[in-house]
C-alpha cells in the first residue's frame, strides 16, 4: 500500500526535492520563507500534474512531455518569485537536474525490467534503494554546485559563456529521444542522437579552449603584476636613495661651512669633537641590514620592518659580495614574493619565526626563506593551494615565482624541515663569490 502511494506520488516528490535543492543554491528573497515556497511550488505542480489524469489513464503519449513542461514551468516561475539570482543560472541548474534524473532512470532500467519476475518485496526494497541513491547523489552534486556556482554577469554574457548550457540541454534531449514514452521513428534515433552529440563535441572544445586561454591570460596578468610590484619596489628604492643623497649633500655642505669657520678661528679641538660626533651619527643602526648590496639591503630592511609590525621574529644570515651580477627583476620578483608569502603564513602562527640565509655557491646566488608552520597544514595542502577567500585572484604566486626562476635557468625547491616550510632558490650569477657576513636576529 505504501509503495503504491509512493509510486503514484513519485513526480511530486521529485519536484519537491528539486525545489528544495534550488532553495539551497539560491537565497530566499526577503519577504519569502522556505516552507512557504516549497508548499506553494509543490502544490501548483501537483495540481497541474494530475489535472490531465484521464489522458494518462488512456495511455496517450503526453505523460513524459507534460510532466517535464509542468515541472520546468513551475520551477522557473517559483524560483523567479521566491529566490534571488539570475534566471539563466536557475535554468542551467534545472536542466542539469532533469538530465541527471533521466540518466539515473536509464542506469537502473535493467532492474526495472525484472518487475513481476522477482519477488515483489525484493523489487520494492531495491527500488527504494535506487531512489535513495539518486537523492544522495543529487545532494552531493548540490554541494559541488554551491562550491562552484554558475555565475552570469554582463561580462560573462558578453564573452558567450552561456553557450555551456547547450551541453546539458543536448544531453537532456538525447535522453528524451531514447525514452520509450517519446514516440520517434527508430531510423531517426541514431541520426538525432549523433546530431546532439556533435553539438556537445563542438561546445566542449570551445569551452575547453576558452578555459585554457583564460587561465593563460590570468597567469600572464599575475606575472605582469608581480613584475610591476618588483619594479615599484626598485623605483621606491631609487627615490629613497636620491632623496638621501640630496639630504646628505646638503648636510655635508653645511658641515664644510662650519668646519671652515672652526679652522679660521683655530678651534681644532672643537672641530675634532664635532667630527667625532657626526661620525657616530653616521653609523648605521644596529637593527639595519648592511650587506654592501643596496638593493638587497632595501628589500631585507623593508620586509623585516613589515614583519616586525606583525610581531614576527626574523633571523637573517647573509654572506654575499657587494656587486652580484644577477637579473635584478627576477631577484626582486622572487625574493619579494617569497618573503610576502612567509609573512602571510606567519600571521597565523602563535610563535611566528622567519629565517633567511643568502650566500654564493659556486656561480649561483643561493638563498633560503623558511617560516614556521604547522606540519599538518602542509600534509593537508601539499600543492600549496591558496587559503585566501579570494581564490580567483590568489594562488598563482608560487607558480609565477617558479616560472621567473626557470626563465633564468635557476633552481627552486620547497620542503618541510622540522616545523619550518623552507623554499630554496638558486639564481645564476657571473661574478666571483665572496663578500661580507651579516647576521641579524
Protein backbone atom coordinates (compact mmCIF):
# COMPACT_ATOMS: atom_id res chain seq x y z
CA UNK A 1 0.00 0.00 0.00
CA UNK A 2 2.76 2.43 0.98
CA UNK A 3 4.71 1.60 -2.16
CA UNK A 4 1.64 2.21 -4.32
CA UNK A 5 1.17 5.64 -2.71
CA UNK A 6 4.83 6.45 -3.33
CA UNK A 7 4.66 5.22 -6.92
CA UNK A 8 1.61 7.42 -7.53
CA UNK A 9 3.29 10.47 -5.91
CA UNK A 10 6.72 9.87 -7.44
CA UNK A 11 6.77 13.00 -9.64
CA UNK A 12 5.57 15.47 -6.92
CA UNK A 13 8.19 14.05 -4.55
CA UNK A 14 10.89 14.54 -7.18
CA UNK A 15 9.67 18.06 -7.81
CA UNK A 16 9.67 18.94 -4.11
CA UNK A 17 13.25 17.69 -3.83
CA UNK A 18 14.14 19.85 -6.84
CA UNK A 19 12.54 22.89 -5.20
CA UNK A 20 14.49 22.17 -2.01
CA UNK A 21 17.76 21.95 -3.95
CA UNK A 22 17.09 25.26 -5.68
CA UNK A 23 16.42 26.91 -2.31
CA UNK A 24 19.84 25.65 -1.20
CA UNK A 25 21.58 27.07 -4.26
CA UNK A 26 19.86 30.47 -4.14
CA UNK A 27 18.94 32.57 -1.13
CA UNK A 28 15.33 33.39 -0.38
CA UNK A 29 14.00 36.84 -1.17
CA UNK A 30 13.36 38.99 1.86
CA UNK A 31 9.60 38.54 2.18
CA UNK A 32 9.54 34.79 1.50
CA UNK A 33 10.14 31.79 3.77
CA UNK A 34 11.43 28.44 2.54
CA UNK A 35 8.48 26.34 3.84
CA UNK A 36 6.00 28.66 2.10
CA UNK A 37 7.98 28.50 -1.13
CA UNK A 38 8.18 24.68 -1.01
CA UNK A 39 4.47 24.29 -0.24
CA UNK A 40 3.16 26.69 -2.90
CA UNK A 41 5.53 25.49 -5.59
CA UNK A 42 4.87 21.78 -4.97
CA UNK A 43 1.13 22.34 -4.64
CA UNK A 44 0.96 24.11 -8.00
CA UNK A 45 2.95 21.35 -9.68
CA UNK A 46 0.78 18.63 -8.11
CA UNK A 47 -2.47 20.26 -9.25
CA UNK A 48 -1.21 20.75 -12.82
CA UNK A 49 0.42 17.32 -12.95
CA UNK A 50 -2.70 15.36 -12.00
CA UNK A 51 -5.18 17.54 -13.93
CA UNK A 52 -4.92 15.55 -17.22
CA UNK A 53 -5.43 12.28 -15.34
CA UNK A 54 -7.96 10.94 -17.88
CA UNK A 55 -5.36 11.34 -20.63
CA UNK A 56 -2.82 9.44 -18.54
CA UNK A 57 -5.27 6.63 -17.85
CA UNK A 58 -5.97 6.37 -21.58
CA UNK A 59 -2.17 5.95 -22.11
CA UNK A 60 -1.94 8.83 -24.54
CA UNK A 61 1.71 9.85 -25.26
CA UNK A 62 1.56 13.04 -23.18
CA UNK A 63 2.90 11.73 -19.88
CA UNK A 64 6.63 12.39 -20.20
CA UNK A 65 6.43 15.66 -22.16
CA UNK A 66 3.66 17.03 -20.00
CA UNK A 67 5.49 16.18 -16.76
CA UNK A 68 8.65 17.89 -17.96
CA UNK A 69 6.88 21.04 -19.18
CA UNK A 70 4.83 21.40 -15.99
CA UNK A 71 7.88 20.81 -13.80
CA UNK A 72 10.08 23.28 -15.69
CA UNK A 73 7.34 25.93 -15.80
CA UNK A 74 6.57 25.70 -12.08
CA UNK A 75 10.24 25.63 -11.13
CA UNK A 76 11.15 28.70 -13.21
CA UNK A 77 8.07 30.57 -12.02
CA UNK A 78 8.51 29.98 -8.29
CA UNK A 79 12.28 30.31 -8.24
CA UNK A 80 11.84 33.63 -10.02
CA UNK A 81 9.24 34.77 -7.48
CA UNK A 82 10.85 33.50 -4.27
CA UNK A 83 14.59 33.11 -4.92
CA UNK A 84 17.29 35.62 -5.76
CA UNK A 85 19.69 35.16 -8.66
CA UNK A 86 19.63 35.36 -12.48
CA UNK A 87 17.10 33.24 -14.36
CA UNK A 88 19.81 31.89 -16.68
CA UNK A 89 21.67 30.30 -13.77
CA UNK A 90 18.46 28.76 -12.45
CA UNK A 91 17.63 27.37 -15.89
CA UNK A 92 21.09 25.76 -16.07
CA UNK A 93 20.65 24.01 -12.72
CA UNK A 94 17.15 22.81 -13.66
CA UNK A 95 18.28 21.32 -16.97
CA UNK A 96 21.15 19.55 -15.22
CA UNK A 97 18.70 18.23 -12.63
CA UNK A 98 16.34 16.81 -15.24
CA UNK A 99 19.22 15.32 -17.23
CA UNK A 100 20.59 13.70 -14.10
CA UNK A 101 17.23 12.13 -13.26
CA UNK A 102 16.88 10.75 -16.78
CA UNK A 103 20.40 9.32 -16.63
CA UNK A 104 19.68 7.52 -13.36
CA UNK A 105 16.48 6.11 -14.86
CA UNK A 106 18.49 4.66 -17.75
CA UNK A 107 21.20 3.35 -15.40
CA UNK A 108 18.66 1.50 -13.28
CA UNK A 109 16.47 0.46 -16.24
CA UNK A 110 17.81 -3.14 -16.34
CA UNK A 111 16.47 -3.59 -12.83
CA UNK A 112 13.02 -2.22 -13.72
CA UNK A 113 12.68 -4.90 -16.41
CA UNK A 114 12.57 -7.54 -13.63
CA UNK A 115 9.29 -6.23 -12.25
CA UNK A 116 6.90 -9.16 -11.96
CA UNK A 117 9.78 -11.60 -12.35
CA UNK A 118 11.45 -11.30 -8.95
CA UNK A 119 9.73 -11.25 -5.57
CA UNK A 120 7.65 -8.09 -5.05
CA UNK A 121 9.21 -7.41 -1.66
CA UNK A 122 12.74 -7.57 -3.10
CA UNK A 123 11.73 -5.35 -6.03
CA UNK A 124 10.21 -2.72 -3.72
CA UNK A 125 13.28 -2.74 -1.45
CA UNK A 126 15.71 -2.33 -4.37
CA UNK A 127 13.50 0.34 -5.94
CA UNK A 128 13.58 2.38 -2.72
CA UNK A 129 17.35 1.86 -2.62
CA UNK A 130 17.77 3.28 -6.13
CA UNK A 131 15.67 6.30 -5.16
CA UNK A 132 17.77 6.82 -2.05
CA UNK A 133 20.98 6.60 -4.09
CA UNK A 134 19.60 9.14 -6.57
CA UNK A 135 18.71 11.64 -3.85
CA UNK A 136 22.06 11.21 -2.09
CA UNK A 137 23.92 11.81 -5.34
CA UNK A 138 21.81 14.89 -6.05
CA UNK A 139 22.60 16.23 -2.61
CA UNK A 140 26.33 15.70 -3.14
CA UNK A 141 26.11 17.38 -6.54
CA UNK A 142 24.31 20.30 -4.88
CA UNK A 143 27.32 20.75 -2.58
CA UNK A 144 29.55 20.87 -5.65
CA UNK A 145 27.24 23.44 -7.26
CA UNK A 146 27.43 25.59 -4.11
CA UNK A 147 31.22 25.45 -4.17
CA UNK A 148 31.45 26.11 -7.92
CA UNK A 149 28.30 28.07 -8.79
CA UNK A 150 27.10 29.10 -12.23
CA UNK A 151 27.63 32.86 -12.30
CA UNK A 152 26.35 35.01 -15.14
CA UNK A 153 27.20 38.69 -15.25
CA UNK A 154 27.20 41.24 -18.05
CA UNK A 155 30.86 40.43 -18.67
CA UNK A 156 30.35 36.67 -18.80
CA UNK A 157 27.35 37.07 -21.10
CA UNK A 158 29.36 39.24 -23.47
CA UNK A 159 32.07 36.55 -23.63
CA UNK A 160 29.38 33.98 -24.59
CA UNK A 161 29.86 31.76 -21.52
CA UNK A 162 26.16 31.00 -21.71
CA UNK A 163 26.86 28.53 -24.55
CA UNK A 164 27.93 26.00 -21.94
CA UNK A 165 24.21 25.46 -21.24
CA UNK A 166 23.94 23.75 -24.62
CA UNK A 167 25.74 20.69 -23.21
CA UNK A 168 23.19 19.72 -20.52
CA UNK A 169 20.34 20.69 -22.88
CA UNK A 170 21.68 18.35 -25.57
CA UNK A 171 22.18 15.57 -23.02
CA UNK A 172 18.60 16.02 -21.89
CA UNK A 173 17.34 15.94 -25.47
CA UNK A 174 19.33 12.78 -26.22
CA UNK A 175 17.86 11.08 -23.16
CA UNK A 176 14.42 12.26 -24.20
CA UNK A 177 14.84 10.71 -27.64
CA UNK A 178 15.83 7.42 -26.03
CA UNK A 179 12.90 7.47 -23.60
CA UNK A 180 10.22 4.91 -24.55
CA UNK A 181 7.46 7.41 -23.70
CA UNK A 182 8.58 9.61 -26.59
CA UNK A 183 7.39 8.22 -29.91
CA UNK A 184 10.04 8.68 -32.59
CA UNK A 185 10.81 6.51 -35.66
CA UNK A 186 13.56 4.02 -34.92
CA UNK A 187 15.54 5.00 -38.02
CA UNK A 188 15.67 8.61 -36.72
CA UNK A 189 17.01 7.82 -33.25
CA UNK A 190 20.66 7.37 -34.25
CA UNK A 191 20.88 10.47 -36.53
CA UNK A 192 19.17 12.68 -33.96
CA UNK A 193 21.43 11.38 -31.17
CA UNK A 194 24.54 11.86 -33.31
CA UNK A 195 23.47 15.42 -34.14
CA UNK A 196 23.20 16.37 -30.47
CA UNK A 197 26.48 14.61 -29.66
CA UNK A 198 28.16 16.62 -32.42
CA UNK A 199 26.92 19.85 -30.86
CA UNK A 200 28.23 18.72 -27.46
CA UNK A 201 31.60 17.93 -29.06
CA UNK A 202 32.00 21.41 -30.55
CA UNK A 203 30.76 23.22 -27.43
CA UNK A 204 33.05 21.13 -25.21
CA UNK A 205 36.02 22.05 -27.39
CA UNK A 206 35.05 25.72 -27.33
CA UNK A 207 34.73 25.78 -23.55
CA UNK A 208 37.94 23.80 -23.03
CA UNK A 209 39.89 26.12 -25.34
CA UNK A 210 38.38 29.16 -23.63
CA UNK A 211 39.23 27.77 -20.20
CA UNK A 212 42.86 27.24 -21.17
CA UNK A 213 43.03 30.66 -22.81
CA UNK A 214 41.52 32.42 -19.79
CA UNK A 215 43.91 30.61 -17.47
CA UNK A 216 46.92 31.64 -19.55
CA UNK A 217 45.70 35.25 -19.62
CA UNK A 218 45.21 35.18 -15.86
CA UNK A 219 48.69 33.76 -15.41
CA UNK A 220 50.22 36.40 -17.67
CA UNK A 221 48.34 39.16 -15.84
CA UNK A 222 49.51 37.93 -12.45
CA UNK A 223 53.03 37.60 -13.78
CA UNK A 224 52.88 41.20 -15.02
CA UNK A 225 51.56 42.32 -11.64
CA UNK A 226 54.39 40.53 -9.87
CA UNK A 227 56.98 42.16 -12.14
CA UNK A 228 55.31 45.55 -11.66
CA UNK A 229 55.44 45.06 -7.92
CA UNK A 230 59.17 44.37 -8.15
CA UNK A 231 59.70 47.40 -10.39
CA UNK A 232 57.75 49.60 -7.95
CA UNK A 233 60.00 48.37 -5.14
CA UNK A 234 63.06 49.25 -7.18
CA UNK A 235 61.57 52.65 -8.06
CA UNK A 236 60.87 53.40 -4.40
CA UNK A 237 64.38 52.34 -3.56
CA UNK A 238 65.78 54.69 -6.23
CA UNK A 239 63.68 57.60 -4.96
CA UNK A 240 64.78 56.99 -1.37
CA UNK A 241 68.40 56.80 -2.44
CA UNK A 242 68.08 60.02 -4.46
CA UNK A 243 66.42 61.83 -1.56
CA UNK A 244 69.06 60.54 0.82
CA UNK A 245 71.84 61.71 -1.48
CA UNK A 246 70.28 65.21 -1.71
CA UNK A 247 69.92 65.33 2.04
CA UNK A 248 73.49 64.13 2.61
CA UNK A 249 74.83 66.62 0.07
CA UNK A 250 73.04 69.50 1.84
CA UNK A 251 74.27 68.38 5.27
CA UNK A 252 77.84 67.93 4.00
CA UNK A 253 77.77 71.44 2.54
CA UNK A 254 76.72 72.88 5.90
CA UNK A 255 79.31 70.71 7.60
CA UNK A 256 82.07 72.10 5.39
CA UNK A 257 81.00 75.70 6.11
CA UNK A 258 81.08 75.05 9.87
CA UNK A 259 84.44 73.23 9.69
CA UNK A 260 85.88 76.11 7.64
CA UNK A 261 84.73 78.57 10.28
CA UNK A 262 86.32 76.47 13.06
CA UNK A 263 89.62 76.27 11.13
CA UNK A 264 89.68 80.03 10.57
CA UNK A 265 89.10 80.56 14.28
CA UNK A 266 91.75 77.96 15.23
CA UNK A 267 89.30 75.84 17.24
CA UNK A 268 90.84 72.50 16.25
CA UNK A 269 89.82 70.68 19.42
CA UNK A 270 86.19 71.64 18.95
CA UNK A 271 86.37 70.61 15.28
CA UNK A 272 87.72 67.18 16.32
CA UNK A 273 84.83 66.71 18.77
CA UNK A 274 82.37 67.84 16.14
CA UNK A 275 83.72 65.40 13.54
CA UNK A 276 83.68 62.53 16.05
CA UNK A 277 80.06 63.30 16.94
CA UNK A 278 78.98 63.26 13.30
CA UNK A 279 80.88 60.07 12.56
CA UNK A 280 78.98 58.36 15.38
CA UNK A 281 75.67 59.64 13.99
CA UNK A 282 76.51 58.35 10.52
CA UNK A 283 76.99 54.77 11.77
CA UNK A 284 74.09 52.57 10.61
CA UNK A 285 71.56 51.48 13.28
CA UNK A 286 72.28 48.08 14.78
CA UNK A 287 68.99 46.64 13.59
CA UNK A 288 69.53 47.57 9.92
CA UNK A 289 71.00 45.11 7.44
CA UNK A 290 74.10 46.33 5.58
CA UNK A 291 75.36 43.70 3.13
CA UNK A 292 77.06 46.17 0.83
CA UNK A 293 74.44 45.48 -1.86
CA UNK A 294 71.98 48.35 -1.67
CA UNK A 295 69.12 46.55 -3.49
CA UNK A 296 69.21 43.52 -1.18
CA UNK A 297 69.64 45.81 1.83
CA UNK A 298 66.49 47.68 0.86
CA UNK A 299 64.44 44.50 0.40
CA UNK A 300 65.65 42.91 3.63
CA UNK A 301 65.21 46.03 5.75
CA UNK A 302 61.76 46.88 4.36
CA UNK A 303 60.45 43.33 4.75
CA UNK A 304 61.97 42.93 8.21
CA UNK A 305 60.23 46.15 9.22
CA UNK A 306 56.94 44.81 7.83
CA UNK A 307 57.41 41.53 9.72
CA UNK A 308 58.17 43.47 12.87
CA UNK A 309 54.82 45.27 12.65
CA UNK A 310 53.15 41.84 12.94
CA UNK A 311 55.44 40.77 15.83
CA UNK A 312 57.17 38.22 13.60
CA UNK A 313 60.74 37.35 14.56
CA UNK A 314 63.27 37.38 11.72
CA UNK A 315 66.72 35.85 11.57
CA UNK A 316 68.97 36.88 8.65
CA UNK A 317 72.31 35.31 7.75
CA UNK A 318 73.88 36.84 4.61
CA UNK A 319 77.29 36.35 3.00
CA UNK A 320 77.37 37.96 -0.45
CA UNK A 321 79.61 40.31 -2.46
CA UNK A 322 78.65 43.94 -2.79
CA UNK A 323 78.19 43.55 -6.54
CA UNK A 324 76.39 40.44 -7.75
CA UNK A 325 75.58 40.05 -11.41
CA UNK A 326 72.10 38.54 -11.30
CA UNK A 327 68.90 39.53 -13.04
CA UNK A 328 67.53 42.23 -10.71
CA UNK A 329 63.95 41.86 -11.97
CA UNK A 330 63.99 38.14 -11.20
CA UNK A 331 65.70 38.65 -7.85
CA UNK A 332 63.26 41.35 -6.82
CA UNK A 333 60.19 39.39 -8.02
CA UNK A 334 61.21 36.12 -6.39
CA UNK A 335 62.63 37.49 -3.15
CA UNK A 336 59.75 39.92 -2.51
CA UNK A 337 57.04 37.33 -3.20
CA UNK A 338 58.64 34.58 -1.13
CA UNK A 339 59.13 37.00 1.76
CA UNK A 340 55.50 38.16 1.40
CA UNK A 341 54.32 34.53 1.43
CA UNK A 342 56.37 33.85 4.57
CA UNK A 343 54.91 36.90 6.32
CA UNK A 344 51.36 35.98 5.29
CA UNK A 345 51.77 32.41 6.56
CA UNK A 346 53.44 33.57 9.78
CA UNK A 347 50.45 35.75 10.71
CA UNK A 348 48.53 32.56 11.52
CA UNK A 349 51.19 31.16 13.88
CA UNK A 350 51.28 31.62 17.65
CA UNK A 351 55.07 31.95 17.72
CA UNK A 352 55.96 33.23 14.23
CA UNK A 353 59.51 32.99 13.01
CA UNK A 354 61.13 33.67 9.61
CA UNK A 355 64.69 32.68 8.77
CA UNK A 356 66.60 33.98 5.74
CA UNK A 357 70.01 32.81 4.57
CA UNK A 358 71.82 34.09 1.50
CA UNK A 359 75.24 33.17 0.14
CA UNK A 360 77.13 32.48 -3.05
CA UNK A 361 77.58 28.84 -4.01
CA UNK A 362 79.90 28.48 -7.00
CA UNK A 363 78.20 30.55 -9.74
CA UNK A 364 74.82 30.80 -8.05
CA UNK A 365 73.21 33.19 -5.62
CA UNK A 366 71.73 30.75 -3.11
CA UNK A 367 69.07 31.90 -0.67
CA UNK A 368 66.65 30.14 1.62
CA UNK A 369 63.49 31.56 3.20
CA UNK A 370 61.92 29.46 5.95
CA UNK A 371 58.85 30.23 8.03
CA UNK A 372 57.47 28.28 10.96
CA UNK A 373 54.23 26.49 10.17
CA UNK A 374 52.14 23.55 11.30
CA UNK A 375 53.37 20.37 9.51
CA UNK A 376 49.77 19.09 9.48
CA UNK A 377 48.75 22.04 7.31
CA UNK A 378 51.35 21.07 4.73
CA UNK A 379 50.09 17.48 4.73
CA UNK A 380 46.56 18.78 4.12
CA UNK A 381 47.76 21.24 1.42
CA UNK A 382 50.80 19.66 -0.28
CA UNK A 383 50.26 21.52 -3.57
CA UNK A 384 50.36 24.95 -1.85
CA UNK A 385 46.86 25.96 -2.94
CA UNK A 386 45.82 29.36 -1.69
CA UNK A 387 43.83 29.53 1.55
CA UNK A 388 42.67 33.10 0.94
CA UNK A 389 38.98 33.83 0.48
CA UNK A 390 39.53 35.45 -2.89
CA UNK A 391 40.71 32.35 -4.69
CA UNK A 392 40.17 33.80 -8.13
CA UNK A 393 42.82 36.46 -7.57
CA UNK A 394 45.27 34.47 -5.46
CA UNK A 395 47.04 31.15 -5.61
CA UNK A 396 49.23 31.73 -8.71
CA UNK A 397 52.08 33.35 -6.72
CA UNK A 398 54.20 30.22 -6.27
CA UNK A 399 53.72 29.19 -9.90
CA UNK A 400 54.84 32.62 -11.11
CA UNK A 401 57.86 32.53 -8.81
CA UNK A 402 58.82 29.14 -10.26
CA UNK A 403 58.44 30.45 -13.81
CA UNK A 404 60.57 33.52 -13.00
CA UNK A 405 63.34 31.31 -11.60
CA UNK A 406 63.19 28.88 -14.52
CA UNK A 407 63.42 31.72 -17.06
CA UNK A 408 66.94 32.46 -15.78
CA UNK A 409 67.85 28.73 -15.69
CA UNK A 410 67.68 28.85 -11.92
CA UNK A 411 66.60 26.20 -9.43
CA UNK A 412 63.79 26.32 -6.88
CA UNK A 413 62.55 23.70 -4.42
CA UNK A 414 60.45 23.58 -1.27
CA UNK A 415 60.08 21.13 1.59
CA UNK A 416 59.28 20.84 5.28
CA UNK A 417 62.31 20.87 7.58
CA UNK A 418 61.06 20.13 11.07
CA UNK A 419 58.41 22.74 11.79
CA UNK A 420 59.62 25.11 9.05
CA UNK A 421 58.36 25.40 5.50
CA UNK A 422 61.54 26.04 3.52
CA UNK A 423 61.94 27.43 0.00
CA UNK A 424 65.38 27.22 -1.59
CA UNK A 425 66.29 29.28 -4.68
CA UNK A 426 69.48 29.32 -6.74
CA UNK A 427 69.88 32.10 -9.33
CA UNK A 428 72.83 32.02 -11.77
CA UNK A 429 75.44 34.77 -11.41
CA UNK A 430 78.69 35.66 -13.13
CA UNK A 431 80.82 37.45 -10.54
CA UNK A 432 83.18 35.60 -8.20
CA UNK A 433 81.82 34.55 -4.79
CA UNK A 434 82.88 36.44 -1.71
CA UNK A 435 81.61 39.29 0.40
CA UNK A 436 80.73 40.29 3.91
CA UNK A 437 78.95 38.20 6.52
CA UNK A 438 75.84 39.77 8.06
CA UNK A 439 73.93 38.14 10.88
CA UNK A 440 70.76 39.59 12.35
CA UNK A 441 68.45 38.04 14.90
